[in-house]
Amino acid sequence: MKARLGIAPIAWWNDDLAELSDDVSLEECLRQASEAGFTGMETGRRFPMDMGELGPILARYGISVCGGWFSGLLLDGDIEAEKDRVAQQMEFFIAAGAPCIVYGETARSIQGNRSAPLSTKPKLNEGEMAAYGRKLSEFADWCAGQGMPISYHHHMAAAVETESELDLLMKHSSVPLLFDAGHMAFAGGDVLRVIENHHARITHVHTKDIRRDVVDALDRKTESFLDAVIKGAFTVPGDGSLDFEQIVKALASKGYEGWFVVEAEQDPIKNPPLDMARKGHKELLRVMDAAGYEVMK
């Protein structure tokens, strides 16, 4: 089985909280990612959305585009409007040969609102989830038909956060799934059970780790998602509390092949991005070998 290792630029520049950003250029970010051993990077706010401009820069560092976030609004919005909103990113991703667009639902989400406690996240009943799932499925089918599939990112502080919410979405939709171990563990879910139940839908993987002591100490009635990030809830594989050898072996047992992307937002002063990238890559190489993956260069 084959795997590719990528990383997200959120370790260098946090799009939701500017204070958690390292003052480095796009080229320095790519250089550090390449030095750490990664061959892919998801897009971020300092990426030009033009392969004519970006392509030569990526080539200098042996990096390809391995995905990138789209702030979806389908929960409250119109499918045709979302098609218009995603069109430029889709065109760019097709030109870049990216595997997917990462769809994150931001309608009603409190993930970027530091004054909103985690306990105030949006909640949907089954009927609302079913209606949402139908819209998502139609949108996902359209995107795939255009040549660029989406992969749905369950996310803390959003409408689909918990394991039970993800189960409902999977029941009422056909949308491909991005499995994020860190977000699911933070939400209190069983990461191995999620793989067991939904492996057939997993098309992209984020290898985000958590610091269990930080997560468990949060007061979810008063502290926000961004408060948790600032406190260091997330980190890279090998630096946190999750057993990534077990997680990666579970994915391997179900035949998953594709990208494993380190996406771990945290304070770059306390946790220098290059050091974190090296640590995450080293741990992923170890667990990939244990799971029988061939890591593609």
Protein backbone atom coordinates (compact mmCIF):
# COMPACT_ATOMS: atom_id res chain seq x y z
CA MET A 1 0.00 0.00 0.00
CA LYS A 2 1.13 3.49 -0.83
CA ALA A 3 0.95 6.68 1.22
CA ARG A 4 2.05 10.26 0.79
CA LEU A 5 2.96 12.62 3.61
CA GLY A 6 1.84 16.24 3.61
CA ILE A 7 1.53 19.09 6.03
CA ALA A 8 -0.71 22.14 6.39
CA PRO A 9 0.68 25.69 6.62
CA ILE A 10 -1.48 26.35 9.70
CA ALA A 11 1.57 25.52 11.83
CA TRP A 12 3.27 28.58 10.30
CA TRP A 13 0.27 30.92 9.76
CA ASN A 14 -3.03 30.54 11.59
CA ASP A 15 -5.87 31.86 9.45
CA ASP A 16 -8.29 32.19 12.39
CA LEU A 17 -5.91 33.81 14.89
CA ALA A 18 -3.18 36.01 13.43
CA GLU A 19 -1.28 36.10 16.73
CA LEU A 20 -0.49 32.40 16.27
CA SER A 21 1.50 32.97 13.09
CA ASP A 22 5.19 32.82 12.36
CA ASP A 23 6.56 35.72 10.33
CA VAL A 24 7.86 33.65 7.44
CA SER A 25 7.31 33.85 3.71
CA LEU A 26 5.61 31.22 1.57
CA GLU A 27 9.00 30.11 0.27
CA GLU A 28 10.46 29.76 3.77
CA CYS A 29 7.41 27.74 4.83
CA LEU A 30 7.82 25.42 1.85
CA ARG A 31 11.57 25.15 2.44
CA GLN A 32 11.03 24.08 6.04
CA ALA A 33 8.33 21.58 5.09
CA SER A 34 10.62 20.08 2.47
CA GLU A 35 13.56 20.00 4.88
CA ALA A 36 11.39 18.08 7.34
CA GLY A 37 10.67 15.50 4.62
CA PHE A 38 7.17 16.33 3.42
CA THR A 39 6.26 16.21 -0.26
CA GLY A 40 2.83 17.85 -0.07
CA MET A 41 1.28 20.92 1.48
CA GLU A 42 -2.29 22.09 1.78
CA THR A 43 -2.94 25.65 0.72
CA GLY A 44 -3.16 28.66 3.04
CA ARG A 45 -3.62 32.40 2.96
CA ARG A 46 -0.16 33.16 1.56
CA PHE A 47 -0.55 30.85 -1.43
CA PRO A 48 -1.18 32.54 -4.80
CA MET A 49 -4.17 30.80 -6.41
CA ASP A 50 -2.48 30.64 -9.80
CA MET A 51 -0.36 27.66 -10.82
CA GLY A 52 1.52 29.82 -13.29
CA GLU A 53 2.90 31.70 -10.31
CA LEU A 54 2.84 28.97 -7.68
CA GLY A 55 3.98 25.99 -9.78
CA PRO A 56 7.66 27.03 -10.14
CA ILE A 57 7.84 27.84 -6.42
CA LEU A 58 6.46 24.44 -5.45
CA ALA A 59 8.83 22.72 -7.87
CA ARG A 60 11.86 24.33 -6.24
CA TYR A 61 11.05 22.55 -3.00
CA GLY A 62 9.65 19.27 -4.35
CA ILE A 63 6.20 20.04 -2.94
CA SER A 64 2.77 19.45 -4.47
CA VAL A 65 -0.66 20.73 -3.44
CA CYS A 66 -2.30 18.02 -1.31
CA GLY A 67 -5.56 19.78 -0.56
CA GLY A 68 -6.84 22.94 1.04
CA TRP A 69 -9.73 24.31 3.06
CA PHE A 70 -12.99 25.64 1.62
CA SER A 71 -15.27 27.48 4.07
CA GLY A 72 -18.61 26.00 3.05
CA LEU A 73 -21.97 27.58 3.82
CA LEU A 74 -24.34 24.85 2.63
CA LEU A 75 -25.99 24.37 6.02
CA ASP A 76 -27.87 27.64 5.54
CA GLY A 77 -27.00 28.42 1.95
CA ASP A 78 -27.88 27.66 -1.63
CA ILE A 79 -26.15 24.99 -3.71
CA GLU A 80 -25.86 27.22 -6.77
CA ALA A 81 -24.27 29.97 -4.69
CA GLU A 82 -21.76 27.47 -3.30
CA LYS A 83 -20.88 26.33 -6.80
CA ASP A 84 -20.04 29.94 -7.66
CA ARG A 85 -18.02 30.37 -4.45
CA VAL A 86 -15.92 27.23 -4.97
CA ALA A 87 -15.33 27.68 -8.70
CA GLN A 88 -12.00 29.55 -8.55
CA GLN A 89 -10.52 27.18 -5.98
CA MET A 90 -11.73 24.19 -7.97
CA GLU A 91 -10.12 25.49 -11.16
CA PHE A 92 -6.85 26.07 -9.31
CA PHE A 93 -6.90 22.66 -7.61
CA ILE A 94 -7.53 20.87 -10.90
CA ALA A 95 -4.55 22.69 -12.42
CA ALA A 96 -2.47 21.79 -9.35
CA GLY A 97 -3.40 18.09 -9.48
CA ALA A 98 -4.70 18.22 -5.90
CA PRO A 99 -6.49 15.13 -4.53
CA CYS A 100 -9.47 17.01 -3.09
CA ILE A 101 -10.91 20.19 -1.66
CA VAL A 102 -11.31 20.02 2.11
CA TYR A 103 -14.91 21.05 2.81
CA GLY A 104 -15.37 22.63 6.23
CA GLU A 105 -18.86 23.77 7.19
CA THR A 106 -18.61 27.28 8.62
CA ALA A 107 -22.29 28.23 8.66
CA ARG A 108 -23.27 28.62 12.33
CA SER A 109 -19.79 27.44 13.38
CA ILE A 110 -18.17 29.10 16.39
CA GLN A 111 -14.66 27.87 15.61
CA GLY A 112 -13.41 31.37 14.80
CA ASN A 113 -15.25 33.16 17.61
CA ARG A 114 -13.10 33.43 20.70
CA SER A 115 -16.02 34.74 22.79
CA ALA A 116 -18.21 31.68 22.08
CA PRO A 117 -17.73 28.77 24.52
CA LEU A 118 -17.35 25.27 23.11
CA SER A 119 -20.68 24.28 24.69
CA THR A 120 -22.53 26.73 22.43
CA LYS A 121 -21.69 24.91 19.19
CA PRO A 122 -24.55 24.48 16.71
CA LYS A 123 -26.64 21.33 17.03
CA LEU A 124 -28.89 19.69 14.45
CA ASN A 125 -31.71 17.22 14.97
CA GLU A 126 -31.91 14.22 12.68
CA GLY A 127 -34.33 15.89 10.30
CA GLU A 128 -32.06 18.89 9.94
CA MET A 129 -29.05 16.63 9.45
CA ALA A 130 -30.88 14.67 6.77
CA ALA A 131 -31.74 17.86 4.86
CA TYR A 132 -28.15 19.04 5.21
CA GLY A 133 -26.86 15.66 4.06
CA ARG A 134 -28.98 15.82 0.91
CA LYS A 135 -27.56 19.22 -0.01
CA LEU A 136 -24.02 18.09 0.73
CA SER A 137 -24.43 14.97 -1.38
CA GLU A 138 -25.70 16.96 -4.35
CA PHE A 139 -22.85 19.45 -4.01
CA ALA A 140 -20.26 16.69 -3.61
CA ASP A 141 -21.57 14.89 -6.70
CA TRP A 142 -21.37 18.11 -8.70
CA CYS A 143 -17.80 18.82 -7.56
CA ALA A 144 -16.70 15.29 -8.45
CA GLY A 145 -18.34 15.68 -11.84
CA GLN A 146 -16.31 18.84 -12.43
CA GLY A 147 -13.12 16.87 -11.77
CA MET A 148 -12.36 17.88 -8.18
CA PRO A 149 -13.94 15.88 -5.33
CA ILE A 150 -14.51 17.31 -1.87
CA SER A 151 -13.68 15.58 1.41
CA TYR A 152 -15.84 16.55 4.40
CA HIS A 153 -13.96 17.73 7.50
CA HIS A 154 -15.77 17.05 10.79
CA HIS A 155 -14.59 19.85 13.07
CA MET A 156 -14.70 21.07 16.64
CA ALA A 157 -17.20 23.89 17.24
CA ALA A 158 -19.08 23.15 14.00
CA ALA A 159 -22.40 21.44 13.27
CA VAL A 160 -20.71 18.07 12.72
CA GLU A 161 -18.29 17.72 15.63
CA THR A 162 -19.07 14.59 17.66
CA GLU A 163 -18.99 10.93 16.68
CA SER A 164 -22.77 10.69 16.85
CA GLU A 165 -23.15 13.77 14.64
CA LEU A 166 -20.73 12.29 12.13
CA ASP A 167 -22.64 8.99 12.22
CA LEU A 168 -25.84 10.88 11.37
CA LEU A 169 -24.21 12.78 8.52
CA MET A 170 -22.78 9.58 7.06
CA LYS A 171 -26.22 7.94 7.37
CA HIS A 172 -27.95 10.78 5.54
CA SER A 173 -25.36 11.62 2.87
CA SER A 174 -22.96 10.12 0.37
CA VAL A 175 -20.27 12.77 0.88
CA PRO A 176 -16.62 11.56 1.05
CA LEU A 177 -15.02 11.90 4.48
CA LEU A 178 -11.86 13.54 5.75
CA PHE A 179 -10.90 11.69 8.93
CA ASP A 180 -9.21 13.93 11.49
CA ALA A 181 -8.00 11.96 14.50
CA GLY A 182 -7.34 15.05 16.62
CA HIS A 183 -10.72 16.68 16.11
CA MET A 184 -12.55 13.42 16.79
CA ALA A 185 -10.54 12.71 19.95
CA PHE A 186 -11.10 16.30 21.16
CA ALA A 187 -14.84 15.82 20.58
CA GLY A 188 -14.80 12.71 22.79
CA GLY A 189 -15.18 10.21 19.97
CA ASP A 190 -13.59 6.80 19.58
CA VAL A 191 -11.16 7.30 16.68
CA LEU A 192 -10.80 3.58 15.95
CA ARG A 193 -14.56 3.03 15.94
CA VAL A 194 -14.96 5.90 13.48
CA ILE A 195 -12.47 4.20 11.15
CA GLU A 196 -14.27 0.88 11.57
CA ASN A 197 -17.69 2.39 10.85
CA HIS A 198 -16.82 4.81 8.05
CA HIS A 199 -13.62 3.57 6.41
CA ALA A 200 -15.33 3.12 3.06
CA ARG A 201 -15.97 6.86 2.91
CA ILE A 202 -12.52 8.09 4.04
CA THR A 203 -10.68 9.78 1.16
CA HIS A 204 -8.28 12.07 3.05
CA VAL A 205 -6.63 11.93 6.48
CA HIS A 206 -5.42 14.64 8.85
CA THR A 207 -2.93 13.32 11.39
CA LYS A 208 -3.62 15.89 14.10
CA ASP A 209 -2.64 14.87 17.64
CA ILE A 210 -4.00 16.26 20.93
CA ARG A 211 -2.50 16.99 24.31
CA ARG A 212 -4.96 15.09 26.47
CA ASP A 213 -4.14 17.00 29.66
CA VAL A 214 -4.92 20.30 27.96
CA VAL A 215 -8.17 19.04 26.42
CA ASP A 216 -9.39 17.47 29.64
CA ALA A 217 -8.68 20.63 31.65
CA LEU A 218 -10.81 22.87 29.41
CA ASP A 219 -14.01 24.38 30.79
CA ARG A 220 -16.26 23.95 27.76
CA LYS A 221 -18.92 26.20 29.27
CA THR A 222 -16.59 29.21 29.32
CA GLU A 223 -13.68 28.49 26.95
CA SER A 224 -13.75 28.63 23.18
CA PHE A 225 -12.15 26.56 20.44
CA LEU A 226 -9.55 29.28 19.91
CA ASP A 227 -8.83 29.34 23.64
CA ALA A 228 -8.10 25.62 23.38
CA VAL A 229 -5.77 26.16 20.43
CA ILE A 230 -3.88 28.89 22.29
CA LYS A 231 -3.51 26.62 25.31
CA GLY A 232 -1.95 23.93 23.11
CA ALA A 233 -4.76 21.42 22.64
CA PHE A 234 -3.32 20.31 19.29
CA THR A 235 0.11 19.11 18.24
CA VAL A 236 1.85 16.83 15.74
CA PRO A 237 2.00 13.01 15.87
CA GLY A 238 4.66 11.89 18.32
CA ASP A 239 4.22 14.92 20.54
CA GLY A 240 0.74 14.25 21.92
CA SER A 241 -1.48 11.61 23.44
CA LEU A 242 -2.87 9.62 20.50
CA ASP A 243 -1.47 6.27 19.40
CA PHE A 244 -0.85 6.89 15.72
CA GLU A 245 0.63 3.46 15.16
CA GLN A 246 -2.73 2.00 16.14
CA ILE A 247 -4.63 4.58 14.06
CA VAL A 248 -2.52 4.10 10.93
CA LYS A 249 -2.64 0.31 11.25
CA ALA A 250 -6.44 0.53 11.45
CA LEU A 251 -6.53 2.60 8.24
CA ALA A 252 -4.13 0.19 6.56
CA SER A 253 -6.29 -2.78 7.53
CA LYS A 254 -9.18 -1.16 5.66
CA GLY A 255 -7.10 -0.49 2.56
CA TYR A 256 -6.78 3.27 2.82
CA GLU A 257 -4.22 4.69 0.40
CA GLY A 258 -3.51 8.36 -0.12
CA TRP A 259 -2.44 11.42 1.79
CA PHE A 260 -1.70 11.63 5.50
CA VAL A 261 -1.49 15.34 6.29
CA VAL A 262 -0.12 16.84 9.50
CA GLU A 263 -2.42 19.69 10.47
CA ALA A 264 -1.59 20.99 13.93
CA GLU A 265 -2.21 24.61 14.80
CA GLN A 266 -0.36 25.86 17.88
CA ASP A 267 1.81 28.71 19.11
CA PRO A 268 4.85 28.85 16.76
CA ILE A 269 6.95 30.58 19.41
CA LYS A 270 6.48 27.81 21.96
CA ASN A 271 6.47 25.12 19.25
CA PRO A 272 8.73 26.15 16.33
CA PRO A 273 7.12 24.91 13.11
CA LEU A 274 10.27 23.31 11.67
CA ASP A 275 10.93 21.38 14.87
CA MET A 276 7.30 20.24 14.99
CA ALA A 277 7.34 19.29 11.30
CA ARG A 278 10.46 17.17 11.80
CA LYS A 279 8.97 15.46 14.85
CA GLY A 280 5.68 14.73 13.07
CA HIS A 281 7.40 13.41 9.96
CA LYS A 282 9.68 11.14 11.99
CA GLU A 283 6.74 9.65 13.85
CA LEU A 284 4.72 9.18 10.68
CA LEU A 285 7.59 7.39 8.98
CA ARG A 286 7.83 5.06 11.97
CA VAL A 287 4.13 4.21 12.06
CA MET A 288 3.85 3.96 8.26
CA ASP A 289 6.60 1.35 8.29
CA ALA A 290 4.89 -0.53 11.12
CA ALA A 291 1.61 -0.52 9.19
CA GLY A 292 3.19 -1.74 5.95
CA TYR A 293 2.86 1.45 3.91
CA GLU A 294 5.31 2.48 1.22
CA VAL A 295 5.79 6.24 1.60
CA MET A 296 6.00 7.80 -1.86
CA LYS A 297 8.56 10.49 -2.55
